[in-house]
PDB file of N, CA and C in Angstrom:
ATOM      1  N   MET A   1     104.647  75.134 132.601  1.00  0.00           N
ATOM      2  CA  MET A   1     104.381  74.565 131.306  1.00  0.00           C
ATOM      3  C   MET A   1     104.667  75.607 130.229  1.00  0.00           C
ATOM      4  N   ALA A   2     105.428  75.215 129.227  1.00  0.00           N
ATOM      5  CA  ALA A   2     105.812  76.159 128.178  1.00  0.00           C
ATOM      6  C   ALA A   2     104.719  76.261 127.119  1.00  0.00           C
ATOM      7  N   ARG A   3     104.481  77.472 126.669  1.00  0.00           N
ATOM      8  CA  ARG A   3     103.528  77.705 125.569  1.00  0.00           C
ATOM      9  C   ARG A   3     104.334  77.841 124.292  1.00  0.00           C
ATOM     10  N   ASN A   4     104.213  76.877 123.394  1.00  0.00           N
ATOM     11  CA  ASN A   4     104.941  76.985 122.132  1.00  0.00           C
ATOM     12  C   ASN A   4     104.000  77.435 121.028  1.00  0.00           C
ATOM     13  N   ASP A   5     104.566  77.711 119.868  1.00  0.00           N
ATOM     14  CA  ASP A   5     103.771  78.235 118.756  1.00  0.00           C
ATOM     15  C   ASP A   5     103.214  77.152 117.851  1.00  0.00           C
ATOM     16  N   VAL A   6     103.287  75.881 118.268  1.00  0.00           N
ATOM     17  CA  VAL A   6     102.680  74.830 117.451  1.00  0.00           C
ATOM     18  C   VAL A   6     101.162  74.896 117.583  1.00  0.00           C
ATOM     19  N   ARG A   7     100.673  75.223 118.796  1.00  0.00           N
ATOM     20  CA  ARG A   7      99.226  75.346 119.045  1.00  0.00           C
ATOM     21  C   ARG A   7      98.905  76.738 119.580  1.00  0.00           C
ATOM     22  N   PRO A   8      98.873  77.756 118.707  1.00  0.00           N
ATOM     23  CA  PRO A   8      98.583  79.107 119.194  1.00  0.00           C
ATOM     24  C   PRO A   8      97.087  79.303 119.452  1.00  0.00           C
ATOM     25  N   VAL A   9      96.779  80.284 120.281  1.00  0.00           N
ATOM     26  CA  VAL A   9      95.392  80.676 120.532  1.00  0.00           C
ATOM     27  C   VAL A   9      94.961  81.586 119.399  1.00  0.00           C
ATOM     28  N   VAL A  10      93.801  81.302 118.787  1.00  0.00           N
ATOM     29  CA  VAL A  10      93.292  82.119 117.679  1.00  0.00           C
ATOM     30  C   VAL A  10      91.875  82.573 118.000  1.00  0.00           C
ATOM     31  N   LYS A  11      91.496  83.717 117.454  1.00  0.00           N
ATOM     32  CA  LYS A  11      90.142  84.238 117.575  1.00  0.00           C
ATOM     33  C   LYS A  11      89.386  83.927 116.301  1.00  0.00           C
ATOM     34  N   LEU A  12      88.156  83.474 116.446  1.00  0.00           N
ATOM     35  CA  LEU A  12      87.274  83.233 115.305  1.00  0.00           C
ATOM     36  C   LEU A  12      86.162  84.279 115.354  1.00  0.00           C
ATOM     37  N   ARG A  13      86.059  85.114 114.319  1.00  0.00           N
ATOM     38  CA  ARG A  13      85.054  86.177 114.281  1.00  0.00           C
ATOM     39  C   ARG A  13      83.956  85.817 113.293  1.00  0.00           C
ATOM     40  N   SER A  14      82.728  86.115 113.659  1.00  0.00           N
ATOM     41  CA  SER A  14      81.566  85.808 112.828  1.00  0.00           C
ATOM     42  C   SER A  14      81.592  86.624 111.544  1.00  0.00           C
ATOM     43  N   THR A  15      81.211  85.977 110.426  1.00  0.00           N
ATOM     44  CA  THR A  15      81.133  86.678 109.151  1.00  0.00           C
ATOM     45  C   THR A  15      79.766  87.320 108.953  1.00  0.00           C
ATOM     46  N   ALA A  16      78.840  87.104 109.907  1.00  0.00           N
ATOM     47  CA  ALA A  16      77.493  87.668 109.786  1.00  0.00           C
ATOM     48  C   ALA A  16      77.440  89.131 110.221  1.00  0.00           C
ATOM     49  N   GLY A  17      78.530  89.667 110.722  1.00  0.00           N
ATOM     50  CA  GLY A  17      78.561  91.069 111.108  1.00  0.00           C
ATOM     51  C   GLY A  17      78.032  91.345 112.504  1.00  0.00           C
ATOM     52  N   SER A  18      77.878  90.296 113.304  1.00  0.00           N
ATOM     53  CA  SER A  18      77.346  90.492 114.657  1.00  0.00           C
ATOM     54  C   SER A  18      78.434  90.887 115.644  1.00  0.00           C
ATOM     55  N   GLY A  19      79.692  90.653 115.308  1.00  0.00           N
ATOM     56  CA  GLY A  19      80.789  90.987 116.203  1.00  0.00           C
ATOM     57  C   GLY A  19      81.099  89.914 117.217  1.00  0.00           C
ATOM     58  N   HIS A  20      80.407  88.792 117.173  1.00  0.00           N
ATOM     59  CA  HIS A  20      80.625  87.701 118.126  1.00  0.00           C
ATOM     60  C   HIS A  20      81.911  86.963 117.779  1.00  0.00           C
ATOM     61  N   THR A  21      82.671  86.540 118.797  1.00  0.00           N
ATOM     62  CA  THR A  21      83.917  85.811 118.571  1.00  0.00           C
ATOM     63  C   THR A  21      83.969  84.569 119.440  1.00  0.00           C
ATOM     64  N   TYR A  22      84.677  83.573 118.956  1.00  0.00           N
ATOM     65  CA  TYR A  22      85.054  82.394 119.722  1.00  0.00           C
ATOM     66  C   TYR A  22      86.562  82.405 119.852  1.00  0.00           C
ATOM     67  N   VAL A  23      87.089  81.798 120.919  1.00  0.00           N
ATOM     68  CA  VAL A  23      88.527  81.655 121.101  1.00  0.00           C
ATOM     69  C   VAL A  23      88.826  80.169 121.153  1.00  0.00           C
ATOM     70  N   THR A  24      89.809  79.730 120.357  1.00  0.00           N
ATOM     71  CA  THR A  24      90.164  78.319 120.301  1.00  0.00           C
ATOM     72  C   THR A  24      91.653  78.197 120.036  1.00  0.00           C
ATOM     73  N   ARG A  25      92.136  76.969 119.990  1.00  0.00           N
ATOM     74  CA  ARG A  25      93.542  76.698 119.654  1.00  0.00           C
ATOM     75  C   ARG A  25      93.576  75.899 118.372  1.00  0.00           C
ATOM     76  N   LYS A  26      94.642  76.067 117.610  1.00  0.00           N
ATOM     77  CA  LYS A  26      94.772  75.290 116.381  1.00  0.00           C
ATOM     78  C   LYS A  26      96.184  74.757 116.260  1.00  0.00           C
ATOM     79  N   ASN A  27      96.333  73.682 115.526  1.00  0.00           N
ATOM     80  CA  ASN A  27      97.635  73.081 115.263  1.00  0.00           C
ATOM     81  C   ASN A  27      98.152  73.669 113.956  1.00  0.00           C
ATOM     82  N   ARG A  28      99.242  74.422 114.032  1.00  0.00           N
ATOM     83  CA  ARG A  28      99.779  75.076 112.832  1.00  0.00           C
ATOM     84  C   ARG A  28     100.329  74.092 111.820  1.00  0.00           C
ATOM     85  N   ARG A  29     100.785  72.944 112.276  1.00  0.00           N
ATOM     86  CA  ARG A  29     101.329  71.959 111.333  1.00  0.00           C
ATOM     87  C   ARG A  29     100.237  71.361 110.466  1.00  0.00           C
ATOM     88  N   ASN A  30      99.058  71.125 111.041  1.00  0.00           N
ATOM     89  CA  ASN A  30      97.945  70.544 110.284  1.00  0.00           C
ATOM     90  C   ASN A  30      97.142  71.592 109.522  1.00  0.00           C
ATOM     91  N   ASP A  31      97.024  72.803 110.067  1.00  0.00           N
ATOM     92  CA  ASP A  31      96.226  73.879 109.467  1.00  0.00           C
ATOM     93  C   ASP A  31      97.062  75.142 109.340  1.00  0.00           C
ATOM     94  N   PRO A  32      97.960  75.214 108.359  1.00  0.00           N
ATOM     95  CA  PRO A  32      98.788  76.422 108.239  1.00  0.00           C
ATOM     96  C   PRO A  32      97.994  77.634 107.743  1.00  0.00           C
ATOM     97  N   ASP A  33      96.871  77.411 107.066  1.00  0.00           N
ATOM     98  CA  ASP A  33      96.058  78.519 106.560  1.00  0.00           C
ATOM     99  C   ASP A  33      95.098  78.984 107.654  1.00  0.00           C
ATOM    100  N   ARG A  34      94.344  80.030 107.342  1.00  0.00           N
ATOM    101  CA  ARG A  34      93.357  80.527 108.294  1.00  0.00           C
ATOM    102  C   ARG A  34      92.212  79.532 108.429  1.00  0.00           C
ATOM    103  N   LEU A  35      91.737  79.365 109.656  1.00  0.00           N
ATOM    104  CA  LEU A  35      90.614  78.463 109.906  1.00  0.00           C
ATOM    105  C   LEU A  35      89.308  79.104 109.467  1.00  0.00           C
ATOM    106  N   VAL A  36      88.416  78.290 108.909  1.00  0.00           N
ATOM    107  CA  VAL A  36      87.052  78.703 108.608  1.00  0.00           C
ATOM    108  C   VAL A  36      86.156  77.592 109.115  1.00  0.00           C
ATOM    109  N   LEU A  37      85.358  77.896 110.153  1.00  0.00           N
ATOM    110  CA  LEU A  37      84.484  76.900 110.765  1.00  0.00           C
ATOM    111  C   LEU A  37      83.048  77.409 110.770  1.00  0.00           C
ATOM    112  N   ARG A  38      82.112  76.487 110.655  1.00  0.00           N
ATOM    113  CA  ARG A  38      80.698  76.820 110.750  1.00  0.00           C
ATOM    114  C   ARG A  38      80.263  76.587 112.194  1.00  0.00           C
ATOM    115  N   LYS A  39      79.937  77.670 112.899  1.00  0.00           N
ATOM    116  CA  LYS A  39      79.581  77.593 114.316  1.00  0.00           C
ATOM    117  C   LYS A  39      78.316  78.408 114.579  1.00  0.00           C
ATOM    118  N   TYR A  40      77.774  78.224 115.778  1.00  0.00           N
ATOM    119  CA  TYR A  40      76.537  78.904 116.150  1.00  0.00           C
ATOM    120  C   TYR A  40      76.823  80.336 116.595  1.00  0.00           C
ATOM    121  N   ASP A  41      76.081  81.279 116.032  1.00  0.00           N
ATOM    122  CA  ASP A  41      76.170  82.692 116.420  1.00  0.00           C
ATOM    123  C   ASP A  41      74.957  83.018 117.285  1.00  0.00           C
ATOM    124  N   PRO A  42      75.153  83.223 118.596  1.00  0.00           N
ATOM    125  CA  PRO A  42      74.005  83.477 119.472  1.00  0.00           C
ATOM    126  C   PRO A  42      73.336  84.831 119.225  1.00  0.00           C
ATOM    127  N   VAL A  43      74.019  85.776 118.623  1.00  0.00           N
ATOM    128  CA  VAL A  43      73.416  87.068 118.322  1.00  0.00           C
ATOM    129  C   VAL A  43      72.429  86.921 117.166  1.00  0.00           C
ATOM    130  N   ARG A  44      72.843  86.203 116.112  1.00  0.00           N
ATOM    131  CA  ARG A  44      71.981  85.965 114.944  1.00  0.00           C
ATOM    132  C   ARG A  44      71.046  84.780 115.132  1.00  0.00           C
ATOM    133  N   ARG A  45      71.337  83.938 116.130  1.00  0.00           N
ATOM    134  CA  ARG A  45      70.595  82.707 116.415  1.00  0.00           C
ATOM    135  C   ARG A  45      70.548  81.786 115.202  1.00  0.00           C
ATOM    136  N   ALA A  46      71.727  81.588 114.592  1.00  0.00           N
ATOM    137  CA  ALA A  46      71.851  80.708 113.433  1.00  0.00           C
ATOM    138  C   ALA A  46      73.305  80.263 113.317  1.00  0.00           C
ATOM    139  N   HIS A  47      73.538  79.222 112.543  1.00  0.00           N
ATOM    140  CA  HIS A  47      74.893  78.780 112.266  1.00  0.00           C
ATOM    141  C   HIS A  47      75.445  79.596 111.106  1.00  0.00           C
ATOM    142  N   VAL A  48      76.622  80.165 111.293  1.00  0.00           N
ATOM    143  CA  VAL A  48      77.272  80.978 110.260  1.00  0.00           C
ATOM    144  C   VAL A  48      78.746  80.610 110.208  1.00  0.00           C
ATOM    145  N   LEU A  49      79.441  81.120 109.188  1.00  0.00           N
ATOM    146  CA  LEU A  49      80.867  80.876 109.070  1.00  0.00           C
ATOM    147  C   LEU A  49      81.634  81.799 110.006  1.00  0.00           C
ATOM    148  N   TYR A  50      82.629  81.243 110.652  1.00  0.00           N
ATOM    149  CA  TYR A  50      83.544  82.001 111.511  1.00  0.00           C
ATOM    150  C   TYR A  50      84.930  81.884 110.891  1.00  0.00           C
ATOM    151  N   ARG A  51      85.606  83.007 110.714  1.00  0.00           N
ATOM    152  CA  ARG A  51      86.946  83.024 110.133  1.00  0.00           C
ATOM    153  C   ARG A  51      87.974  83.444 111.174  1.00  0.00           C
ATOM    154  N   GLU A  52      89.146  82.871 111.051  1.00  0.00           N
ATOM    155  CA  GLU A  52      90.236  83.230 111.955  1.00  0.00           C
ATOM    156  C   GLU A  52      90.708  84.638 111.639  1.00  0.00           C
ATOM    157  N   GLU A  53      90.869  85.439 112.682  1.00  0.00           N
ATOM    158  CA  GLU A  53      91.430  86.771 112.489  1.00  0.00           C
ATOM    159  C   GLU A  53      92.807  86.811 113.110  1.00  0.00           C
ATOM    160  N   ARG A  54      93.656  87.648 112.558  1.00  0.00           N
ATOM    161  CA  ARG A  54      95.047  87.694 113.025  1.00  0.00           C
ATOM    162  C   ARG A  54      95.289  88.904 113.875  1.00  0.00           C
TER     163      ARG A  54
END
């Protein structure tokens, strides 16, 4: 199976400074900008913003 760049693997890093990351895939055609998602940070035990890092 070929891996193309339409759905690359991206890392989401917590903005709370805990260093926690999530790994996900995104569709570049629908989301050409960096992703910003509100997800659960188990280190802080709260929902915080996660930003895509390059």
